[in-house]
Protein backbone atom coordinates (compact mmCIF):
# COMPACT_ATOMS: atom_id res chain seq x y z
CA MET A 1 84.02 80.80 104.11
CA LEU A 2 85.37 84.29 104.22
CA SER A 3 82.33 85.98 102.94
CA ASN A 4 80.36 84.88 106.04
CA SER A 5 83.08 86.24 108.32
CA PRO A 6 82.10 89.27 110.45
CA PHE A 7 85.47 90.79 109.48
CA PHE A 8 84.36 91.00 105.85
CA ASN A 9 80.98 92.45 106.67
CA ALA A 10 79.91 95.17 104.19
CA LYS A 11 78.93 97.48 106.97
CA TYR A 12 82.48 97.41 108.47
CA TYR A 13 84.01 98.01 105.06
CA LEU A 14 81.77 101.02 104.35
CA SER A 15 82.42 102.44 107.75
CA GLY A 16 86.11 102.15 107.12
CA ALA A 17 85.65 103.65 103.69
CA MET A 18 84.05 106.75 105.14
CA VAL A 19 87.03 107.13 107.54
CA ILE A 20 89.49 106.70 104.63
CA GLY A 21 87.55 109.35 102.56
CA VAL A 22 87.83 111.83 105.44
CA MET A 23 91.44 110.96 105.86
CA GLN A 24 92.04 111.56 102.09
CA MET A 25 90.53 114.99 102.55
CA ILE A 26 92.75 115.75 105.57
CA ASP A 27 95.84 114.57 103.74
CA ALA A 28 95.14 116.72 100.71
CA PHE A 29 94.33 119.79 102.92
CA THR A 30 97.58 119.43 104.85
CA ALA A 31 99.67 118.94 101.71
CA ILE A 32 98.16 122.04 100.03
CA ASN A 33 98.69 124.10 103.18
CA ASN A 34 102.20 123.04 103.68
CA LEU A 35 102.94 124.03 100.05
CA ARG A 36 105.48 121.27 99.75
CA GLY A 37 103.28 119.19 97.46
CA SER A 38 103.96 115.95 99.34
CA THR A 39 101.65 113.75 101.36
CA SER A 40 102.15 112.00 104.64
CA ILE A 41 103.95 108.64 104.59
CA ALA A 42 101.67 107.37 107.32
CA PHE A 43 98.61 108.22 105.28
CA SER A 44 100.18 106.65 102.19
CA LEU A 45 100.79 103.41 104.07
CA LEU A 46 97.31 103.36 105.38
CA GLU A 47 96.01 103.91 101.90
CA LEU A 48 98.05 101.01 100.63
CA CYS A 49 96.55 98.83 103.31
CA TRP A 50 93.04 100.01 102.42
CA PHE A 51 93.74 99.20 98.72
CA ILE A 52 94.58 95.60 99.71
CA VAL A 53 91.42 95.43 101.90
CA SER A 54 89.35 96.87 98.93
CA LEU A 55 90.85 94.18 96.62
CA PHE A 56 89.85 91.49 99.05
CA PHE A 57 86.40 92.95 99.39
CA LEU A 58 86.01 92.96 95.55
CA LEU A 59 87.19 89.35 95.31
CA ILE A 60 84.92 88.12 98.02
CA PHE A 61 81.79 90.03 97.39
CA TYR A 62 81.77 90.33 93.60
CA GLN A 63 79.08 87.57 93.25
CA LYS A 64 76.96 88.82 96.11
CA LYS A 65 74.03 91.20 95.77
CA TYR A 66 76.09 94.25 96.74
CA LYS A 67 76.96 97.34 94.91
CA LEU A 68 80.72 97.45 94.26
CA LEU A 69 80.96 101.21 93.43
CA VAL A 70 82.96 102.05 96.59
CA PRO A 71 85.73 99.46 96.37
CA VAL A 72 86.01 99.99 92.53
CA LEU A 73 86.27 103.76 93.02
CA TYR A 74 89.04 103.42 95.57
CA CYS A 75 91.01 100.75 93.60
CA SER A 76 90.77 102.92 90.41
CA PHE A 77 91.88 106.01 92.22
CA TYR A 78 94.74 104.20 93.86
CA ILE A 79 96.07 102.60 90.78
CA GLY A 80 95.68 105.87 88.79
CA SER A 81 97.53 107.77 91.54
CA TYR A 82 100.37 105.21 91.50
CA LEU A 83 100.63 105.46 87.68
CA TYR A 84 100.65 109.25 87.77
CA ALA A 85 103.32 109.33 90.51
CA SER A 86 105.38 106.86 88.56
CA TYR A 87 105.12 109.07 85.45
CA LEU A 88 106.21 112.16 87.43
CA LEU A 89 109.15 110.21 88.88
CA ALA A 90 110.10 109.14 85.37
CA LEU A 91 110.18 112.83 84.22
CA ASP A 92 112.23 113.94 87.25
CA THR A 93 115.80 114.24 86.30
CA SER A 94 116.88 116.39 89.23
CA ASN A 95 116.54 113.65 91.92
CA VAL A 96 115.31 116.33 94.32
CA GLY A 97 112.10 114.37 95.02
CA LEU A 98 108.54 114.10 93.90
CA VAL A 99 106.50 117.27 94.18
CA LEU A 100 102.83 116.83 93.34
CA PRO A 101 101.07 119.62 91.44
CA THR A 102 98.54 121.58 93.35
CA TRP A 103 95.69 120.57 90.91
CA TYR A 104 96.36 116.96 91.79
CA LEU A 105 96.24 117.57 95.51
CA TYR A 106 92.88 119.45 95.04
CA SER A 107 91.59 116.48 93.03
CA ALA A 108 92.73 114.03 95.77
CA GLY A 109 90.73 116.01 98.28
CA PHE A 110 87.72 116.04 95.99
CA PHE A 111 88.10 112.30 95.58
CA GLY A 112 87.98 112.09 99.44
CA VAL A 113 84.60 113.89 99.33
CA ILE A 114 83.19 111.65 96.60
CA TYR A 115 84.49 108.50 98.24
CA CYS A 116 83.17 109.34 101.64
CA SER A 117 79.80 110.43 100.31
CA SER A 118 79.43 107.25 98.16
CA ALA A 119 80.34 105.07 101.06
CA TRP A 120 77.90 106.89 103.31
CA TYR A 121 75.17 106.46 100.63
CA GLU A 122 75.80 102.79 100.25
CA TYR A 123 75.85 102.30 103.96
CA ARG A 124 72.42 104.04 104.26
CA GLN A 125 71.18 101.85 101.45
CA LEU A 126 72.50 98.73 103.15
CA LEU A 127 70.74 99.63 106.37
CA SER A 128 67.47 100.42 104.66
CA ASP A 129 67.49 97.09 102.76
CA LYS A 130 67.22 95.20 106.05
């Protein structure tokens, strides 16, 4: 069964979530400082992969005694970001490319702080339960 696999261990997921949260902060910081309003393609692909991992984690551990705040946070943020970017693309008639507003980049960086902090908190809770 997948839920007993060491690959799907909650400690590994939460450790990865902390890394993704820091990466989200770095991505937002570099996008704000470059003043071009776009994010890295490599980070975006990694975020897509992490979204898939988070969905698997939700599907496998939803019945276990585990707090699902971290994967739910990430999946909600990812879906919301995708919908917002789609909305901006639909409004863009110049075909110049998508430029994200600065407020959105700040909120993405703030999400990275919240995501990393909540993953760290749940990781500490998981260790103290044993």
